[in-house]
Amino acid sequence: MPTNKANSQHVTTGHLTGLDYSVISVAQSQKYNEADIIAGKMDVLEGSVEELPFDDASFDKITTVESFYFWPDPQENLKEVRRVLKPGGTFLLIADVYNHENLAEKTKENIAKYHMFNPTLEEYQQLFTNAGFQDVHVYTQNGEEWVCVEGHK
């Protein structure tokens, strides 16, 4: 979950933490965000959603963008995200595609080629609910492929 300067400029209080499974992505993000890291505004760490390196109830807000497809055990990993979310906190999951009957053939080929987990909108709702998230909302926009799922602890 590398962070970027466009996001950090909007944060005037608090602290940003980025986490990624890839050593290369972490190194690139650390270099890109060096000033914010030195200033103590941000940390960028290597880790896995399977076992997040954070205490329970550590974060007010958590986001993931374009990574859920590759989570090793999506249902259990959502529970792990919820564990590190503070009571009343918000988790946003953003993906550029979700499973529906009108997926383009090329998209279907890529999903199969890269072994992507690609739930339907209903499955996203159920996954979040089963993980213990409350007030779950699934957002899409007509004519667009992306999905945003919001859950609260």
Protein backbone atom coordinates (compact mmCIF):
# COMPACT_ATOMS: atom_id res chain seq x y z
CA MET A 1 0.00 0.00 0.00
CA PRO A 2 2.57 2.61 -0.93
CA THR A 3 1.60 6.16 -0.20
CA ASN A 4 2.37 9.18 -2.33
CA LYS A 5 3.00 12.88 -1.91
CA ALA A 6 -0.37 13.86 -3.35
CA ASN A 7 -1.96 12.14 -0.34
CA SER A 8 0.52 13.37 2.25
CA GLN A 9 0.00 17.03 1.33
CA HIS A 10 -3.64 16.75 2.43
CA VAL A 11 -2.73 15.40 5.85
CA THR A 12 -2.01 18.25 8.24
CA THR A 13 -2.37 16.27 11.48
CA GLY A 14 -1.84 12.62 12.30
CA HIS A 15 0.53 10.12 10.77
CA LEU A 16 0.58 8.13 7.52
CA THR A 17 1.72 4.53 7.35
CA GLY A 18 2.26 2.67 4.11
CA LEU A 19 2.65 -1.10 3.93
CA ASP A 20 3.55 -3.28 0.98
CA TYR A 21 4.47 -6.93 0.47
CA SER A 22 7.07 -6.03 -2.17
CA VAL A 23 10.57 -5.05 -1.02
CA ILE A 24 11.01 -3.14 -4.28
CA SER A 25 7.76 -1.17 -3.83
CA VAL A 26 8.68 -0.31 -0.25
CA ALA A 27 12.11 0.97 -1.32
CA GLN A 28 10.61 3.05 -4.12
CA SER A 29 7.95 4.50 -1.84
CA GLN A 30 10.52 5.29 0.87
CA LYS A 31 12.64 7.15 -1.68
CA TYR A 32 9.66 9.02 -3.12
CA ASN A 33 8.38 10.00 0.35
CA GLU A 34 11.79 10.60 1.93
CA ALA A 35 11.00 14.14 3.14
CA ASP A 36 7.80 13.05 4.91
CA ILE A 37 9.55 10.05 6.46
CA ILE A 38 12.42 12.22 7.75
CA ALA A 39 9.89 14.75 9.09
CA GLY A 40 8.16 11.96 11.04
CA LYS A 41 4.93 12.38 9.11
CA MET A 42 5.08 8.96 7.47
CA ASP A 43 6.42 5.43 7.71
CA VAL A 44 6.63 2.93 4.83
CA LEU A 45 7.05 -0.68 5.90
CA GLU A 46 7.33 -4.12 4.37
CA GLY A 47 4.71 -6.59 5.55
CA SER A 48 1.79 -8.81 4.69
CA VAL A 49 -1.93 -8.44 5.18
CA GLU A 50 -1.80 -11.97 6.57
CA GLU A 51 -0.14 -10.71 9.75
CA LEU A 52 -0.11 -6.93 9.94
CA PRO A 53 2.82 -5.63 12.02
CA PHE A 54 0.61 -3.35 14.12
CA ASP A 55 -1.10 -3.49 17.50
CA ASP A 56 -4.85 -3.94 17.76
CA ALA A 57 -6.84 -0.75 17.17
CA SER A 58 -3.90 1.21 15.72
CA PHE A 59 -5.54 3.12 12.84
CA ASP A 60 -8.45 5.51 12.34
CA LYS A 61 -8.54 4.93 8.60
CA ILE A 62 -7.17 2.21 6.37
CA THR A 63 -7.25 2.05 2.58
CA THR A 64 -6.12 -0.46 0.02
CA VAL A 65 -6.00 0.25 -3.68
CA GLU A 66 -5.59 -2.42 -6.35
CA SER A 67 -4.23 -5.07 -3.98
CA PHE A 68 -7.21 -7.12 -2.81
CA TYR A 69 -7.07 -9.35 -5.90
CA PHE A 70 -3.82 -10.85 -4.62
CA TRP A 71 -4.53 -11.24 -0.90
CA PRO A 72 -3.68 -14.83 0.13
CA ASP A 73 -6.88 -15.44 2.13
CA PRO A 74 -9.28 -12.54 1.52
CA GLN A 75 -11.82 -13.43 4.21
CA GLU A 76 -9.23 -13.94 6.95
CA ASN A 77 -7.14 -11.01 5.76
CA LEU A 78 -10.16 -8.69 6.07
CA LYS A 79 -10.45 -9.81 9.70
CA GLU A 80 -6.78 -8.89 10.17
CA VAL A 81 -7.41 -5.40 8.74
CA ARG A 82 -10.38 -5.01 11.08
CA ARG A 83 -8.16 -6.04 14.02
CA VAL A 84 -5.84 -3.06 13.53
CA LEU A 85 -8.69 -0.60 12.94
CA LYS A 86 -9.80 1.51 15.90
CA PRO A 87 -13.43 1.32 17.05
CA GLY A 88 -15.36 3.73 14.86
CA GLY A 89 -12.62 3.53 12.21
CA THR A 90 -13.16 3.23 8.46
CA PHE A 91 -11.70 0.82 5.92
CA LEU A 92 -11.90 1.55 2.18
CA LEU A 93 -11.09 -1.04 -0.45
CA ILE A 94 -10.74 0.22 -4.02
CA ALA A 95 -10.41 -2.03 -7.05
CA ASP A 96 -10.57 -1.20 -10.74
CA VAL A 97 -12.71 -4.22 -11.58
CA TYR A 98 -15.30 -6.47 -9.99
CA ASN A 99 -16.94 -9.66 -11.22
CA HIS A 100 -20.04 -9.08 -13.34
CA GLU A 101 -21.58 -10.56 -16.47
CA ASN A 102 -20.35 -7.84 -18.84
CA LEU A 103 -16.61 -8.14 -18.19
CA ALA A 104 -14.54 -7.73 -21.34
CA GLU A 105 -12.79 -10.86 -22.61
CA LYS A 106 -9.36 -9.27 -22.14
CA THR A 107 -10.24 -8.50 -18.51
CA LYS A 108 -11.37 -12.10 -17.96
CA GLU A 109 -8.13 -13.34 -19.51
CA ASN A 110 -6.04 -11.15 -17.19
CA ILE A 111 -8.01 -12.27 -14.13
CA ALA A 112 -7.30 -15.89 -15.04
CA LYS A 113 -3.68 -15.26 -16.09
CA TYR A 114 -2.76 -13.50 -12.85
CA HIS A 115 -4.98 -15.67 -10.59
CA MET A 116 -6.87 -12.62 -9.35
CA PHE A 117 -9.59 -12.87 -6.71
CA ASN A 118 -12.45 -10.92 -8.25
CA PRO A 119 -15.69 -10.98 -6.24
CA THR A 120 -19.11 -9.77 -7.31
CA LEU A 121 -20.61 -6.74 -5.58
CA GLU A 122 -22.73 -9.06 -3.44
CA GLU A 123 -19.66 -11.11 -2.51
CA TYR A 124 -17.80 -7.96 -1.44
CA GLN A 125 -20.72 -7.07 0.83
CA GLN A 126 -20.72 -10.57 2.33
CA LEU A 127 -16.94 -10.72 2.79
CA PHE A 128 -16.92 -7.44 4.73
CA THR A 129 -19.93 -8.45 6.80
CA ASN A 130 -18.42 -11.86 7.59
CA ALA A 131 -15.19 -10.14 8.68
CA GLY A 132 -17.16 -8.15 11.25
CA PHE A 133 -17.37 -4.79 9.53
CA GLN A 134 -20.48 -2.72 10.21
CA ASP A 135 -22.41 -0.31 8.01
CA VAL A 136 -20.88 -1.80 4.84
CA HIS A 137 -21.43 0.11 1.59
CA VAL A 138 -20.43 -0.97 -1.91
CA TYR A 139 -20.03 1.90 -4.38
CA THR A 140 -19.87 1.78 -8.16
CA GLN A 141 -20.61 4.21 -10.95
CA ASN A 142 -22.66 3.40 -14.03
CA GLY A 143 -20.43 2.79 -17.03
CA GLU A 144 -17.33 2.28 -14.87
CA GLU A 145 -15.59 -0.94 -13.81
CA TRP A 146 -14.21 0.17 -10.44
CA VAL A 147 -15.63 -0.63 -7.01
CA CYS A 148 -15.14 0.99 -3.61
CA VAL A 149 -16.18 -0.94 -0.51
CA GLU A 150 -16.49 0.88 2.80
CA GLY A 151 -16.73 -0.80 6.17
CA HIS A 152 -16.60 0.43 9.76
CA LYS A 153 -15.54 -1.08 13.05
